[in-house]
PDB file of N, CA and C in Angstrom:
ATOM      1  N   MET A   1     132.219 113.460  87.328  1.00  0.00           N
ATOM      2  CA  MET A   1     131.837 114.534  87.884  1.00  0.00           C
ATOM      3  C   MET A   1     132.137 114.350  89.618  1.00  0.00           C
ATOM      4  N   ILE A   2     132.672 115.688  90.012  1.00  0.00           N
ATOM      5  CA  ILE A   2     133.575 115.395  91.227  1.00  0.00           C
ATOM      6  C   ILE A   2     132.474 116.132  92.281  1.00  0.00           C
ATOM      7  N   ARG A   3     131.880 115.474  93.215  1.00  0.00           N
ATOM      8  CA  ARG A   3     130.985 116.129  94.364  1.00  0.00           C
ATOM      9  C   ARG A   3     131.693 116.623  95.540  1.00  0.00           C
ATOM     10  N   GLU A   4     131.286 117.556  96.116  1.00  0.00           N
ATOM     11  CA  GLU A   4     131.773 118.108  97.148  1.00  0.00           C
ATOM     12  C   GLU A   4     131.046 117.124  98.414  1.00  0.00           C
ATOM     13  N   VAL A   5     131.806 116.965  99.410  1.00  0.00           N
ATOM     14  CA  VAL A   5     131.516 116.219 100.398  1.00  0.00           C
ATOM     15  C   VAL A   5     131.132 116.769 101.803  1.00  0.00           C
ATOM     16  N   LEU A   6     129.757 117.032 102.277  1.00  0.00           N
ATOM     17  CA  LEU A   6     129.487 117.996 103.419  1.00  0.00           C
ATOM     18  C   LEU A   6     129.396 116.993 104.558  1.00  0.00           C
ATOM     19  N   LEU A   7     129.731 116.991 105.992  1.00  0.00           N
ATOM     20  CA  LEU A   7     129.468 116.514 107.162  1.00  0.00           C
ATOM     21  C   LEU A   7     128.674 117.228 107.904  1.00  0.00           C
ATOM     22  N   SER A   8     127.326 116.371 108.269  1.00  0.00           N
ATOM     23  CA  SER A   8     126.614 117.116 109.158  1.00  0.00           C
ATOM     24  C   SER A   8     127.546 117.197 110.752  1.00  0.00           C
ATOM     25  N   GLY A   9     126.569 117.848 111.468  1.00  0.00           N
ATOM     26  CA  GLY A   9     127.679 117.951 112.818  1.00  0.00           C
ATOM     27  C   GLY A   9     127.606 116.641 113.642  1.00  0.00           C
ATOM     28  N   ARG A  10     126.741 115.830 113.177  1.00  0.00           N
ATOM     29  CA  ARG A  10     126.437 114.242 114.050  1.00  0.00           C
ATOM     30  C   ARG A  10     127.525 113.424 113.178  1.00  0.00           C
ATOM     31  N   ALA A  11     127.445 113.782 112.140  1.00  0.00           N
ATOM     32  CA  ALA A  11     128.786 113.002 111.423  1.00  0.00           C
ATOM     33  C   ALA A  11     130.173 113.123 111.523  1.00  0.00           C
ATOM     34  N   GLU A  12     130.250 114.516 111.836  1.00  0.00           N
ATOM     35  CA  GLU A  12     131.550 114.901 112.121  1.00  0.00           C
ATOM     36  C   GLU A  12     131.911 114.276 113.526  1.00  0.00           C
ATOM     37  N   ARG A  13     131.142 114.200 114.584  1.00  0.00           N
ATOM     38  CA  ARG A  13     131.270 113.747 115.899  1.00  0.00           C
ATOM     39  C   ARG A  13     131.483 112.235 115.538  1.00  0.00           C
ATOM     40  N   ASP A  14     130.639 111.548 114.864  1.00  0.00           N
ATOM     41  CA  ASP A  14     130.814 110.119 114.499  1.00  0.00           C
ATOM     42  C   ASP A  14     132.324 109.775 114.175  1.00  0.00           C
ATOM     43  N   LEU A  15     132.574 110.776 113.340  1.00  0.00           N
ATOM     44  CA  LEU A  15     133.957 110.225 112.685  1.00  0.00           C
ATOM     45  C   LEU A  15     135.269 110.533 113.675  1.00  0.00           C
ATOM     46  N   ARG A  16     134.993 111.670 114.464  1.00  0.00           N
ATOM     47  CA  ARG A  16     136.076 112.109 115.328  1.00  0.00           C
ATOM     48  C   ARG A  16     136.183 111.132 116.496  1.00  0.00           C
ATOM     49  N   GLY A  17     135.196 110.349 116.760  1.00  0.00           N
ATOM     50  CA  GLY A  17     135.246 109.409 117.927  1.00  0.00           C
ATOM     51  C   GLY A  17     135.784 108.014 117.346  1.00  0.00           C
ATOM     52  N   LEU A  18     136.371 108.176 116.288  1.00  0.00           N
ATOM     53  CA  LEU A  18     136.887 106.803 115.780  1.00  0.00           C
ATOM     54  C   LEU A  18     138.283 106.901 115.830  1.00  0.00           C
ATOM     55  N   PRO A  19     139.163 105.715 115.925  1.00  0.00           N
ATOM     56  CA  PRO A  19     140.490 105.720 115.856  1.00  0.00           C
ATOM     57  C   PRO A  19     140.937 106.105 114.469  1.00  0.00           C
ATOM     58  N   ARG A  20     141.958 106.728 114.549  1.00  0.00           N
ATOM     59  CA  ARG A  20     142.657 107.546 113.457  1.00  0.00           C
ATOM     60  C   ARG A  20     142.696 106.578 112.119  1.00  0.00           C
ATOM     61  N   ASP A  21     142.947 105.531 112.068  1.00  0.00           N
ATOM     62  CA  ASP A  21     143.226 104.713 111.017  1.00  0.00           C
ATOM     63  C   ASP A  21     141.796 104.520 110.256  1.00  0.00           C
ATOM     64  N   ARG A  22     140.817 104.430 110.986  1.00  0.00           N
ATOM     65  CA  ARG A  22     139.412 104.247 110.656  1.00  0.00           C
ATOM     66  C   ARG A  22     139.061 105.555 110.024  1.00  0.00           C
ATOM     67  N   GLN A  23     139.238 106.517 110.741  1.00  0.00           N
ATOM     68  CA  GLN A  23     138.880 107.815 110.080  1.00  0.00           C
ATOM     69  C   GLN A  23     139.467 107.854 108.700  1.00  0.00           C
ATOM     70  N   ASP A  24     140.955 107.538 108.366  1.00  0.00           N
ATOM     71  CA  ASP A  24     141.282 107.884 107.177  1.00  0.00           C
ATOM     72  C   ASP A  24     140.739 107.071 106.121  1.00  0.00           C
ATOM     73  N   ARG A  25     140.395 105.760 106.341  1.00  0.00           N
ATOM     74  CA  ARG A  25     139.759 104.715 105.730  1.00  0.00           C
ATOM     75  C   ARG A  25     138.497 105.282 105.344  1.00  0.00           C
ATOM     76  N   LEU A  26     137.666 105.778 106.168  1.00  0.00           N
ATOM     77  CA  LEU A  26     136.244 106.386 105.474  1.00  0.00           C
ATOM     78  C   LEU A  26     136.349 107.622 104.825  1.00  0.00           C
ATOM     79  N   ARG A  27     137.376 108.492 105.184  1.00  0.00           N
ATOM     80  CA  ARG A  27     137.543 109.813 104.420  1.00  0.00           C
ATOM     81  C   ARG A  27     137.826 109.431 103.189  1.00  0.00           C
ATOM     82  N   ARG A  28     138.885 108.460 102.927  1.00  0.00           N
ATOM     83  CA  ARG A  28     139.435 107.978 101.724  1.00  0.00           C
ATOM     84  C   ARG A  28     138.093 107.282 100.575  1.00  0.00           C
ATOM     85  N   ALA A  29     137.275 106.560 101.502  1.00  0.00           N
ATOM     86  CA  ALA A  29     136.207 105.907 100.690  1.00  0.00           C
ATOM     87  C   ALA A  29     135.200 107.024 100.240  1.00  0.00           C
ATOM     88  N   LEU A  30     135.138 108.165 101.125  1.00  0.00           N
ATOM     89  CA  LEU A  30     133.952 108.975 100.737  1.00  0.00           C
ATOM     90  C   LEU A  30     134.861 110.100  99.464  1.00  0.00           C
ATOM     91  N   LEU A  31     136.040 110.301  99.890  1.00  0.00           N
ATOM     92  CA  LEU A  31     136.111 110.830  98.569  1.00  0.00           C
ATOM     93  C   LEU A  31     136.543 110.031  97.278  1.00  0.00           C
ATOM     94  N   GLU A  32     136.746 108.664  97.348  1.00  0.00           N
ATOM     95  CA  GLU A  32     136.667 107.966  96.273  1.00  0.00           C
ATOM     96  C   GLU A  32     135.157 108.082  95.558  1.00  0.00           C
ATOM     97  N   TYR A  33     134.288 107.702  96.471  1.00  0.00           N
ATOM     98  CA  TYR A  33     132.870 107.929  96.030  1.00  0.00           C
ATOM     99  C   TYR A  33     132.466 109.314  94.991  1.00  0.00           C
ATOM    100  N   ALA A  34     132.905 110.519  95.900  1.00  0.00           N
ATOM    101  CA  ALA A  34     132.569 111.842  95.421  1.00  0.00           C
ATOM    102  C   ALA A  34     133.220 111.803  94.046  1.00  0.00           C
ATOM    103  N   ARG A  35     134.628 111.399  93.814  1.00  0.00           N
ATOM    104  CA  ARG A  35     135.362 111.741  92.246  1.00  0.00           C
ATOM    105  C   ARG A  35     134.564 110.588  91.520  1.00  0.00           C
ATOM    106  N   SER A  36     134.717 109.285  91.815  1.00  0.00           N
ATOM    107  CA  SER A  36     134.233 108.607  90.739  1.00  0.00           C
ATOM    108  C   SER A  36     132.703 107.870  90.671  1.00  0.00           C
ATOM    109  N   GLY A  37     132.078 107.902  91.899  1.00  0.00           N
ATOM    110  CA  GLY A  37     130.759 107.417  92.057  1.00  0.00           C
ATOM    111  C   GLY A  37     130.928 105.984  92.240  1.00  0.00           C
ATOM    112  N   ARG A  38     132.047 105.215  92.633  1.00  0.00           N
ATOM    113  CA  ARG A  38     132.078 104.158  92.834  1.00  0.00           C
ATOM    114  C   ARG A  38     132.309 103.583  94.342  1.00  0.00           C
ATOM    115  N   GLY A  39     131.784 102.717  94.814  1.00  0.00           N
ATOM    116  CA  GLY A  39     131.681 102.087  96.187  1.00  0.00           C
ATOM    117  C   GLY A  39     130.365 101.201  96.476  1.00  0.00           C
ATOM    118  N   ASP A  40     130.533 100.476  97.416  1.00  0.00           N
ATOM    119  CA  ASP A  40     129.316  99.868  97.818  1.00  0.00           C
ATOM    120  C   ASP A  40     128.302 100.460  98.306  1.00  0.00           C
ATOM    121  N   LEU A  41     127.292 100.705  97.713  1.00  0.00           N
ATOM    122  CA  LEU A  41     126.524 101.508  97.505  1.00  0.00           C
ATOM    123  C   LEU A  41     124.876 100.915  97.573  1.00  0.00           C
ATOM    124  N   LYS A  42     124.138 101.503  98.412  1.00  0.00           N
ATOM    125  CA  LYS A  42     122.699 101.089  98.416  1.00  0.00           C
ATOM    126  C   LYS A  42     121.721 102.223  99.048  1.00  0.00           C
ATOM    127  N   ARG A  43     120.517 102.464  98.049  1.00  0.00           N
ATOM    128  CA  ARG A  43     119.501 102.983  98.474  1.00  0.00           C
ATOM    129  C   ARG A  43     118.770 102.540  99.557  1.00  0.00           C
ATOM    130  N   LEU A  44     118.444 103.310 100.563  1.00  0.00           N
ATOM    131  CA  LEU A  44     117.932 102.915 101.839  1.00  0.00           C
ATOM    132  C   LEU A  44     116.202 103.149 101.615  1.00  0.00           C
ATOM    133  N   SER A  45     115.623 102.183 102.104  1.00  0.00           N
ATOM    134  CA  SER A  45     114.033 102.268 102.216  1.00  0.00           C
ATOM    135  C   SER A  45     113.587 102.739 103.613  1.00  0.00           C
ATOM    136  N   GLY A  46     112.366 102.940 103.646  1.00  0.00           N
ATOM    137  CA  GLY A  46     111.888 103.407 104.526  1.00  0.00           C
ATOM    138  C   GLY A  46     112.437 104.860 105.632  1.00  0.00           C
ATOM    139  N   THR A  47     112.659 105.757 104.618  1.00  0.00           N
ATOM    140  CA  THR A  47     113.367 107.078 105.356  1.00  0.00           C
ATOM    141  C   THR A  47     112.301 107.743 106.015  1.00  0.00           C
ATOM    142  N   LYS A  48     110.890 107.225 105.842  1.00  0.00           N
ATOM    143  CA  LYS A  48     109.889 108.401 106.498  1.00  0.00           C
ATOM    144  C   LYS A  48     109.480 109.597 105.976  1.00  0.00           C
ATOM    145  N   GLY A  49     109.480 109.842 104.273  1.00  0.00           N
ATOM    146  CA  GLY A  49     109.258 111.110 103.876  1.00  0.00           C
ATOM    147  C   GLY A  49     110.570 112.081 103.613  1.00  0.00           C
ATOM    148  N   ARG A  50     111.672 111.695 104.225  1.00  0.00           N
ATOM    149  CA  ARG A  50     112.854 112.256 104.043  1.00  0.00           C
ATOM    150  C   ARG A  50     113.291 112.320 102.497  1.00  0.00           C
ATOM    151  N   GLU A  51     114.314 112.999 102.314  1.00  0.00           N
ATOM    152  CA  GLU A  51     115.061 112.511 100.788  1.00  0.00           C
ATOM    153  C   GLU A  51     115.372 111.468 100.642  1.00  0.00           C
ATOM    154  N   ASP A  52     115.562 110.936  99.785  1.00  0.00           N
ATOM    155  CA  ASP A  52     116.309 109.609  99.559  1.00  0.00           C
ATOM    156  C   ASP A  52     117.675 109.578  99.892  1.00  0.00           C
ATOM    157  N   LEU A  53     118.220 108.310 101.133  1.00  0.00           N
ATOM    158  CA  LEU A  53     119.198 108.619 101.643  1.00  0.00           C
ATOM    159  C   LEU A  53     119.462 107.236 100.899  1.00  0.00           C
ATOM    160  N   PHE A  54     121.085 107.595 101.194  1.00  0.00           N
ATOM    161  CA  PHE A  54     122.153 105.969 100.788  1.00  0.00           C
ATOM    162  C   PHE A  54     122.961 105.620 101.715  1.00  0.00           C
ATOM    163  N   ARG A  55     123.602 104.483 101.282  1.00  0.00           N
ATOM    164  CA  ARG A  55     124.417 103.978 102.481  1.00  0.00           C
ATOM    165  C   ARG A  55     125.854 103.655 101.702  1.00  0.00           C
ATOM    166  N   LEU A  56     127.084 103.956 102.201  1.00  0.00           N
ATOM    167  CA  LEU A  56     128.033 103.406 101.630  1.00  0.00           C
ATOM    168  C   LEU A  56     128.725 102.526 102.480  1.00  0.00           C
ATOM    169  N   ARG A  57     128.943 101.416 102.021  1.00  0.00           N
ATOM    170  CA  ARG A  57     129.591 100.430 103.151  1.00  0.00           C
ATOM    171  C   ARG A  57     131.211 100.539 103.043  1.00  0.00           C
ATOM    172  N   VAL A  58     131.753 100.839 104.235  1.00  0.00           N
ATOM    173  CA  VAL A  58     133.291 100.767 104.354  1.00  0.00           C
ATOM    174  C   VAL A  58     133.692  99.899 105.432  1.00  0.00           C
ATOM    175  N   GLY A  59     134.019  98.641 105.188  1.00  0.00           N
ATOM    176  CA  GLY A  59     134.225  97.723 106.267  1.00  0.00           C
ATOM    177  C   GLY A  59     133.063  97.381 106.902  1.00  0.00           C
ATOM    178  N   ASP A  60     133.341  97.620 108.519  1.00  0.00           N
ATOM    179  CA  ASP A  60     132.200  97.528 109.257  1.00  0.00           C
ATOM    180  C   ASP A  60     131.411  98.495 109.687  1.00  0.00           C
ATOM    181  N   PHE A  61     131.715  99.705 108.725  1.00  0.00           N
ATOM    182  CA  PHE A  61     131.153 101.164 109.059  1.00  0.00           C
ATOM    183  C   PHE A  61     130.073 101.374 107.958  1.00  0.00           C
ATOM    184  N   ARG A  62     129.117 102.186 108.243  1.00  0.00           N
ATOM    185  CA  ARG A  62     128.373 102.631 107.237  1.00  0.00           C
ATOM    186  C   ARG A  62     127.943 104.070 107.383  1.00  0.00           C
ATOM    187  N   VAL A  63     128.163 104.714 106.239  1.00  0.00           N
ATOM    188  CA  VAL A  63     128.007 106.013 105.753  1.00  0.00           C
ATOM    189  C   VAL A  63     126.864 106.470 105.235  1.00  0.00           C
ATOM    190  N   VAL A  64     125.732 107.034 106.143  1.00  0.00           N
ATOM    191  CA  VAL A  64     124.429 107.509 105.344  1.00  0.00           C
ATOM    192  C   VAL A  64     124.563 108.768 104.979  1.00  0.00           C
ATOM    193  N   PHE A  65     123.948 108.891 103.603  1.00  0.00           N
ATOM    194  CA  PHE A  65     124.075 110.300 103.232  1.00  0.00           C
ATOM    195  C   PHE A  65     122.923 110.178 102.126  1.00  0.00           C
ATOM    196  N   ALA A  66     122.620 111.687 101.720  1.00  0.00           N
ATOM    197  CA  ALA A  66     121.770 112.164 101.004  1.00  0.00           C
ATOM    198  C   ALA A  66     122.664 112.716  99.586  1.00  0.00           C
ATOM    199  N   LEU A  67     122.116 112.623  98.448  1.00  0.00           N
ATOM    200  CA  LEU A  67     122.860 113.356  97.103  1.00  0.00           C
ATOM    201  C   LEU A  67     122.069 114.491  96.436  1.00  0.00           C
ATOM    202  N   THR A  68     122.929 115.554  96.288  1.00  0.00           N
ATOM    203  CA  THR A  68     122.032 116.408  95.413  1.00  0.00           C
ATOM    204  C   THR A  68     122.870 116.485  94.206  1.00  0.00           C
ATOM    205  N   GLY A  69     122.793 117.628  93.427  1.00  0.00           N
ATOM    206  CA  GLY A  69     123.481 117.819  92.100  1.00  0.00           C
ATOM    207  C   GLY A  69     125.022 117.489  92.391  1.00  0.00           C
ATOM    208  N   THR A  70     125.472 118.479  93.438  1.00  0.00           N
ATOM    209  CA  THR A  70     127.066 118.629  93.336  1.00  0.00           C
ATOM    210  C   THR A  70     127.644 117.878  94.812  1.00  0.00           C
ATOM    211  N   GLU A  71     126.476 117.525  95.514  1.00  0.00           N
ATOM    212  CA  GLU A  71     127.143 117.393  96.992  1.00  0.00           C
ATOM    213  C   GLU A  71     126.612 116.385  97.283  1.00  0.00           C
ATOM    214  N   VAL A  72     127.515 115.584  98.520  1.00  0.00           N
ATOM    215  CA  VAL A  72     126.909 114.384  99.095  1.00  0.00           C
ATOM    216  C   VAL A  72     127.152 114.854 100.568  1.00  0.00           C
ATOM    217  N   LYS A  73     125.777 114.791 101.121  1.00  0.00           N
ATOM    218  CA  LYS A  73     125.363 115.486 102.254  1.00  0.00           C
ATOM    219  C   LYS A  73     125.434 114.107 103.300  1.00  0.00           C
ATOM    220  N   VAL A  74     126.558 114.083 104.371  1.00  0.00           N
ATOM    221  CA  VAL A  74     126.618 112.904 104.940  1.00  0.00           C
ATOM    222  C   VAL A  74     125.831 113.015 106.288  1.00  0.00           C
ATOM    223  N   THR A  75     125.170 112.416 106.466  1.00  0.00           N
ATOM    224  CA  THR A  75     124.102 112.572 107.827  1.00  0.00           C
ATOM    225  C   THR A  75     124.605 111.639 109.194  1.00  0.00           C
ATOM    226  N   ARG A  76     125.079 110.438 108.930  1.00  0.00           N
ATOM    227  CA  ARG A  76     125.635 109.484 109.896  1.00  0.00           C
ATOM    228  C   ARG A  76     126.614 108.856 109.503  1.00  0.00           C
ATOM    229  N   ILE A  77     127.498 108.271 110.561  1.00  0.00           N
ATOM    230  CA  ILE A  77     128.648 107.275 110.432  1.00  0.00           C
ATOM    231  C   ILE A  77     128.640 106.404 111.365  1.00  0.00           C
ATOM    232  N   THR A  78     128.016 105.360 111.095  1.00  0.00           N
ATOM    233  CA  THR A  78     127.673 104.282 112.257  1.00  0.00           C
ATOM    234  C   THR A  78     128.323 103.024 111.780  1.00  0.00           C
ATOM    235  N   HIS A  79     128.668 102.042 113.058  1.00  0.00           N
ATOM    236  CA  HIS A  79     128.959 100.565 112.868  1.00  0.00           C
ATOM    237  C   HIS A  79     127.886 100.001 112.401  1.00  0.00           C
ATOM    238  N   ARG A  80     128.232  98.930 111.856  1.00  0.00           N
ATOM    239  CA  ARG A  80     126.884  98.063 111.244  1.00  0.00           C
ATOM    240  C   ARG A  80     126.293  97.697 112.242  1.00  0.00           C
ATOM    241  N   SER A  81     126.744  97.258 113.682  1.00  0.00           N
ATOM    242  CA  SER A  81     125.884  96.907 114.653  1.00  0.00           C
ATOM    243  C   SER A  81     124.751  97.702 115.221  1.00  0.00           C
ATOM    244  N   GLU A  82     125.133  98.987 114.795  1.00  0.00           N
ATOM    245  CA  GLU A  82     123.897  99.856 115.358  1.00  0.00           C
ATOM    246  C   GLU A  82     122.679 100.036 114.479  1.00  0.00           C
ATOM    247  N   GLY A  83     122.728  99.441 113.401  1.00  0.00           N
ATOM    248  CA  GLY A  83     121.490  99.440 112.773  1.00  0.00           C
ATOM    249  C   GLY A  83     121.113 100.789 112.220  1.00  0.00           C
ATOM    250  N   TYR A  84     119.587 100.953 111.494  1.00  0.00           N
ATOM    251  CA  TYR A  84     119.108 102.052 111.045  1.00  0.00           C
ATOM    252  C   TYR A  84     117.878 102.404 111.966  1.00  0.00           C
ATOM    253  N   ASP A  85     117.719 102.103 113.070  1.00  0.00           N
ATOM    254  CA  ASP A  85     116.807 102.517 114.045  1.00  0.00           C
ATOM    255  C   ASP A  85     116.427 104.013 113.956  1.00  0.00           C
ATOM    256  N   TRP A  86     117.453 104.852 113.948  1.00  0.00           N
ATOM    257  CA  TRP A  86     117.431 106.171 114.235  1.00  0.00           C
ATOM    258  C   TRP A  86     116.762 106.898 113.165  1.00  0.00           C
ATOM    259  N   LEU A  87     116.575 106.372 112.040  1.00  0.00           N
ATOM    260  CA  LEU A  87     115.965 106.952 110.969  1.00  0.00           C
ATOM    261  C   LEU A  87     114.881 107.193 111.162  1.00  0.00           C
TER     262      LEU A  87
END
């Protein structure tokens, strides 16, 4: 099943703020996950009553997203040192 990848406004700003090579690597990883469902994936705990969130690890970066039937809704793209305090 191929899912559509949707970026929130915040996720778009996060991505645009990165060097081009990192942007490309993150895009490729997201598209690969959307196509095949493969990647270093983990369900996040403590999302304070929100929909279930997941993180995809891509090198030193973390892509946080929610899954719906046919969509991957990306909430944030952060460096691993930033943590998840913003949840």
